[in-house]
């Protein structure tokens, strides 16, 4: 029973990986564009730290999601993430 749950959880998370990576990359891109616009405008620089923190959190989610997949990978499966 537990082995079947591991397979189900692993395949569910693996199937959502592409969507999560696309959403995180779009979010990071929007953060970078916002930071560039703030430096060009020079009026709303006080929002710089929260934007940097949100961008770093998005990047960390992408990295640790892959680490989670490697951790819960069933023993009899090979996993290659590109």
Protein backbone atom coordinates (compact mmCIF):
# COMPACT_ATOMS: atom_id res chain seq x y z
CA UNK A 1 0.00 0.00 0.00
CA UNK A 2 2.74 2.47 0.95
CA UNK A 3 4.71 1.65 -2.19
CA UNK A 4 1.68 2.41 -4.35
CA UNK A 5 1.20 5.75 -2.58
CA UNK A 6 4.86 6.61 -3.27
CA UNK A 7 4.35 5.86 -6.98
CA UNK A 8 1.18 7.95 -7.11
CA UNK A 9 2.74 10.89 -5.26
CA UNK A 10 5.91 10.74 -7.34
CA UNK A 11 4.08 10.67 -10.67
CA UNK A 12 1.71 13.43 -9.57
CA UNK A 13 4.58 15.70 -8.57
CA UNK A 14 6.53 14.79 -11.71
CA UNK A 15 3.57 15.64 -13.92
CA UNK A 16 3.19 19.05 -12.23
CA UNK A 17 6.91 19.84 -12.52
CA UNK A 18 6.68 21.47 -15.96
CA UNK A 19 3.82 23.74 -14.99
CA UNK A 20 5.54 24.73 -11.76
CA UNK A 21 8.79 25.54 -13.54
CA UNK A 22 6.99 27.68 -16.14
CA UNK A 23 5.07 29.60 -13.46
CA UNK A 24 8.23 30.15 -11.38
CA UNK A 25 10.23 31.33 -14.41
CA UNK A 26 7.48 33.75 -15.43
CA UNK A 27 7.33 35.05 -11.86
CA UNK A 28 11.12 35.50 -11.75
CA UNK A 29 11.04 37.29 -15.11
CA UNK A 30 8.34 39.66 -13.84
CA UNK A 31 10.42 40.32 -10.73
CA UNK A 32 13.47 41.20 -12.85
CA UNK A 33 11.43 43.50 -15.09
CA UNK A 34 9.91 45.20 -12.04
CA UNK A 35 13.33 45.75 -10.48
CA UNK A 36 14.69 47.24 -13.71
CA UNK A 37 11.68 49.54 -13.97
CA UNK A 38 12.13 50.65 -10.35
CA UNK A 39 15.75 51.56 -10.96
CA UNK A 40 14.79 53.50 -14.08
CA UNK A 41 12.00 55.36 -12.27
CA UNK A 42 13.84 55.93 -8.94
CA UNK A 43 10.55 56.66 -7.14
CA UNK A 44 9.50 53.29 -5.76
CA UNK A 45 12.80 51.76 -4.65
CA UNK A 46 11.32 50.87 -1.24
CA UNK A 47 9.71 47.80 -2.81
CA UNK A 48 13.07 46.47 -3.95
CA UNK A 49 13.74 44.16 -0.99
CA UNK A 50 10.34 42.39 -1.07
CA UNK A 51 10.68 41.87 -4.82
CA UNK A 52 14.16 40.42 -4.40
CA UNK A 53 12.93 38.10 -1.66
CA UNK A 54 10.01 36.89 -3.79
CA UNK A 55 12.32 36.27 -6.75
CA UNK A 56 14.74 34.28 -4.61
CA UNK A 57 11.88 32.26 -3.10
CA UNK A 58 10.62 31.37 -6.60
CA UNK A 59 14.10 30.27 -7.61
CA UNK A 60 14.46 28.15 -4.46
CA UNK A 61 11.08 26.50 -5.08
CA UNK A 62 12.31 25.39 -8.50
CA UNK A 63 15.50 23.90 -7.07
CA UNK A 64 14.02 22.20 -4.03
CA UNK A 65 11.09 20.78 -6.01
CA UNK A 66 13.61 18.78 -8.04
CA UNK A 67 15.39 17.71 -4.87
CA UNK A 68 12.05 16.55 -3.47
CA UNK A 69 11.44 14.50 -6.61
CA UNK A 70 14.82 12.81 -6.24
CA UNK A 71 14.10 12.11 -2.59
CA UNK A 72 10.71 10.46 -3.09
CA UNK A 73 11.71 8.65 -6.29
CA UNK A 74 10.84 4.94 -6.10
CA UNK A 75 13.89 2.68 -5.83
CA UNK A 76 13.27 0.80 -9.06
CA UNK A 77 13.04 3.93 -11.23
CA UNK A 78 15.65 6.08 -12.93
CA UNK A 79 15.07 9.82 -12.91
CA UNK A 80 16.65 12.29 -15.29
CA UNK A 81 15.58 15.91 -14.99
CA UNK A 82 16.69 18.41 -17.59
